[in-house]
Amino acid sequence: MVSFARRLALIVTWILIVLVVSAAVLTASMRIVLPNLDTAKAPLQRWATDATGFNVDFSTVKGHWRYLIPSLSLHDLSLSTQDGDQSVLTADSIEMQFDVVESIKRREPTFSHVSIDGLDLDVTQLPEDDSKETKPLTERLENLFLVGLGHFSIQNADITVLSPSEQRKTIDVRSLLWEN
């Protein structure tokens, strides 16, 4: 019985050591990669374009640590339709706090807080989804911002929508804070 308890204690100890070393390697890797993220700007733009279905362009992407949490900053972001003639979204800056635990669970990048400054969104330019297999784009955006993100804030935004009378109206949002 004593040898079983010792073996169990030894197994648990080794599991803890492996977890601590893995966390240390992951943290050190992110501390090295994040400040040099702007060198991978082109692959990031291609990945974002493929993931969203829009042409994605930004001037700089910076990674840094804030309060022991890895964060990303995008500056001068622009999303346009695939043909490139209609700009759907522009933003002066976007700050995102990376949620490491949720990203590992979901196996995709997950952010716990997103802060957007200088947003200009034209909802009237969003393409119509004719596909029955996927959710409509407006529903996916709603799920992203109102359900998927735990916390986001928007500063100095102009959002253009269609009114019930089919006229384009612009909503001026100076400050919005959303917490789920």
Protein backbone atom coordinates (compact mmCIF):
# COMPACT_ATOMS: atom_id res chain seq x y z
CA MET A 1 0.00 0.00 0.00
CA VAL A 2 2.86 2.35 0.82
CA SER A 3 4.53 1.73 -2.55
CA PHE A 4 1.26 2.57 -4.35
CA ALA A 5 0.99 5.88 -2.46
CA ARG A 6 4.62 6.69 -3.27
CA ARG A 7 4.12 5.89 -6.96
CA LEU A 8 0.98 8.00 -7.06
CA ALA A 9 2.80 10.89 -5.37
CA LEU A 10 5.70 10.53 -7.81
CA ILE A 11 3.34 10.52 -10.83
CA VAL A 12 1.49 13.59 -9.56
CA THR A 13 4.81 15.35 -8.89
CA TRP A 14 6.06 14.66 -12.42
CA ILE A 15 2.77 15.79 -13.95
CA LEU A 16 3.01 19.06 -12.02
CA ILE A 17 6.65 19.54 -13.08
CA VAL A 18 5.75 18.97 -16.74
CA LEU A 19 2.85 21.44 -16.50
CA VAL A 20 4.97 24.13 -14.85
CA VAL A 21 7.80 23.72 -17.37
CA SER A 22 5.32 23.77 -20.28
CA ALA A 23 3.73 26.96 -18.96
CA ALA A 24 7.17 28.54 -18.55
CA VAL A 25 8.18 27.61 -22.13
CA LEU A 26 4.87 28.95 -23.51
CA THR A 27 5.24 32.22 -21.57
CA ALA A 28 8.87 32.68 -22.63
CA SER A 29 7.97 31.96 -26.26
CA MET A 30 5.18 34.53 -26.22
CA ARG A 31 7.45 37.11 -24.57
CA ILE A 32 9.91 36.63 -27.45
CA VAL A 33 7.38 36.50 -30.30
CA LEU A 34 4.93 39.27 -29.30
CA PRO A 35 7.29 42.27 -29.58
CA ASN A 36 8.40 41.07 -33.04
CA LEU A 37 4.91 40.40 -34.37
CA ASP A 38 5.03 43.22 -36.94
CA THR A 39 7.53 41.19 -38.98
CA ALA A 40 4.73 38.66 -39.63
CA LYS A 41 2.27 41.32 -40.80
CA ALA A 42 1.66 39.87 -44.29
CA PRO A 43 0.86 36.30 -43.11
CA LEU A 44 -1.42 37.71 -40.40
CA GLN A 45 -3.28 39.79 -42.99
CA ARG A 46 -3.69 36.73 -45.25
CA TRP A 47 -4.95 34.64 -42.33
CA ALA A 48 -7.44 37.36 -41.31
CA THR A 49 -8.61 37.76 -44.92
CA ASP A 50 -9.19 34.01 -45.25
CA ALA A 51 -10.94 33.83 -41.87
CA THR A 52 -13.29 36.79 -42.42
CA GLY A 53 -13.95 36.83 -46.15
CA PHE A 54 -13.00 40.53 -46.28
CA ASN A 55 -9.79 42.17 -47.46
CA VAL A 56 -7.98 43.01 -44.21
CA ASP A 57 -5.32 45.70 -44.08
CA PHE A 58 -3.58 47.34 -41.12
CA SER A 59 -0.49 49.52 -40.80
CA THR A 60 1.06 47.92 -37.72
CA VAL A 61 0.49 45.04 -35.35
CA LYS A 62 2.22 45.11 -31.98
CA GLY A 63 2.31 42.57 -29.21
CA HIS A 64 3.06 43.34 -25.59
CA TRP A 65 2.39 42.19 -22.05
CA ARG A 66 -0.09 44.10 -19.92
CA TYR A 67 -0.76 43.00 -16.34
CA LEU A 68 0.74 39.55 -17.03
CA ILE A 69 -1.66 39.12 -19.97
CA PRO A 70 -0.47 39.01 -23.58
CA SER A 71 -2.05 41.77 -25.67
CA LEU A 72 -2.19 42.74 -29.34
CA SER A 73 -2.59 46.19 -30.89
CA LEU A 74 -3.69 46.82 -34.47
CA HIS A 75 -3.44 50.32 -35.94
CA ASP A 76 -5.23 51.76 -38.98
CA LEU A 77 -7.34 48.67 -39.61
CA SER A 78 -9.45 48.52 -42.75
CA LEU A 79 -11.89 45.82 -43.91
CA SER A 80 -13.21 46.02 -47.43
CA THR A 81 -15.26 43.73 -49.63
CA GLN A 82 -13.41 41.10 -51.68
CA ASP A 83 -13.59 43.21 -54.83
CA GLY A 84 -11.92 45.95 -52.77
CA ASP A 85 -14.10 48.87 -53.82
CA GLN A 86 -16.26 49.22 -50.69
CA SER A 87 -14.79 49.85 -47.25
CA VAL A 88 -16.98 48.19 -44.64
CA LEU A 89 -15.01 48.92 -41.49
CA THR A 90 -12.12 51.15 -40.49
CA ALA A 91 -10.63 51.69 -37.04
CA ASP A 92 -7.80 53.86 -35.77
CA SER A 93 -6.69 51.31 -33.18
CA ILE A 94 -7.81 48.00 -31.70
CA GLU A 95 -6.41 46.66 -28.42
CA MET A 96 -7.03 42.97 -27.66
CA GLN A 97 -6.17 41.02 -24.52
CA PHE A 98 -5.40 37.40 -25.36
CA ASP A 99 -7.11 34.72 -23.24
CA VAL A 100 -4.55 31.90 -23.21
CA VAL A 101 -6.64 29.32 -21.34
CA GLU A 102 -9.73 29.75 -23.56
CA SER A 103 -7.56 29.76 -26.68
CA ILE A 104 -6.09 26.40 -25.70
CA LYS A 105 -9.55 25.01 -24.92
CA ARG A 106 -11.09 26.21 -28.19
CA ARG A 107 -7.93 25.76 -30.30
CA GLU A 108 -8.42 29.19 -31.85
CA PRO A 109 -7.39 32.70 -30.77
CA THR A 110 -9.74 33.98 -28.07
CA PHE A 111 -9.73 37.46 -26.56
CA SER A 112 -11.07 38.40 -23.14
CA HIS A 113 -11.21 42.15 -23.78
CA VAL A 114 -11.29 44.18 -26.99
CA SER A 115 -11.09 47.97 -27.10
CA ILE A 116 -11.78 49.77 -30.39
CA ASP A 117 -11.06 53.45 -30.99
CA GLY A 118 -12.09 55.45 -34.06
CA LEU A 119 -14.45 52.83 -35.48
CA ASP A 120 -16.26 53.62 -38.71
CA LEU A 121 -18.63 50.77 -39.60
CA ASP A 122 -21.00 50.83 -42.57
CA VAL A 123 -23.50 48.01 -42.02
CA THR A 124 -25.19 48.84 -45.33
CA GLN A 125 -22.06 47.67 -47.18
CA LEU A 126 -22.08 44.19 -45.64
CA PRO A 127 -22.63 41.55 -48.32
CA GLU A 128 -25.83 39.56 -48.29
CA ASP A 129 -25.44 35.90 -47.26
CA ASP A 130 -27.38 33.61 -49.56
CA SER A 131 -25.88 30.45 -48.06
CA LYS A 132 -28.27 28.31 -46.04
CA GLU A 133 -25.38 26.39 -44.44
CA THR A 134 -23.91 29.25 -42.41
CA LYS A 135 -25.48 31.83 -40.16
CA PRO A 136 -26.07 35.29 -41.67
CA LEU A 137 -23.20 37.74 -41.27
CA THR A 138 -25.19 40.04 -38.98
CA GLU A 139 -25.94 37.10 -36.67
CA ARG A 140 -22.26 36.09 -36.63
CA LEU A 141 -21.25 39.68 -35.76
CA GLU A 142 -23.87 39.72 -33.00
CA ASN A 143 -22.54 36.44 -31.62
CA LEU A 144 -18.98 37.74 -31.77
CA PHE A 145 -19.54 41.05 -30.00
CA LEU A 146 -22.57 40.49 -27.79
CA VAL A 147 -22.03 36.84 -26.83
CA GLY A 148 -18.49 35.71 -27.66
CA LEU A 149 -16.51 38.54 -26.12
CA GLY A 150 -16.63 38.85 -22.37
CA HIS A 151 -15.81 42.54 -22.40
CA PHE A 152 -15.40 45.13 -25.14
CA SER A 153 -15.42 48.88 -25.42
CA ILE A 154 -15.82 51.26 -28.34
CA GLN A 155 -14.72 54.90 -28.41
CA ASN A 156 -15.42 57.56 -31.07
CA ALA A 157 -17.42 55.40 -33.47
CA ASP A 158 -19.68 56.15 -36.43
CA ILE A 159 -22.00 53.31 -37.42
CA THR A 160 -24.06 53.60 -40.59
CA VAL A 161 -27.28 51.56 -40.73
CA LEU A 162 -30.45 51.43 -42.81
CA SER A 163 -33.48 52.95 -41.14
CA PRO A 164 -36.91 51.28 -41.42
CA SER A 165 -37.63 53.77 -44.24
CA GLU A 166 -34.56 52.41 -46.12
CA GLN A 167 -32.53 55.59 -45.57
CA ARG A 168 -28.91 55.49 -44.46
CA LYS A 169 -28.51 56.86 -40.93
CA THR A 170 -25.29 57.34 -39.00
CA ILE A 171 -25.14 56.61 -35.28
CA ASP A 172 -22.49 58.57 -33.40
CA VAL A 173 -21.12 56.52 -30.47
CA ARG A 174 -18.71 58.42 -28.26
CA SER A 175 -18.30 55.69 -25.65
CA LEU A 176 -19.75 52.21 -25.28
CA LEU A 177 -18.80 49.57 -22.73
CA TRP A 178 -20.19 46.03 -22.94
CA GLU A 179 -19.68 43.35 -20.30
CA ASN A 180 -21.12 39.84 -20.48
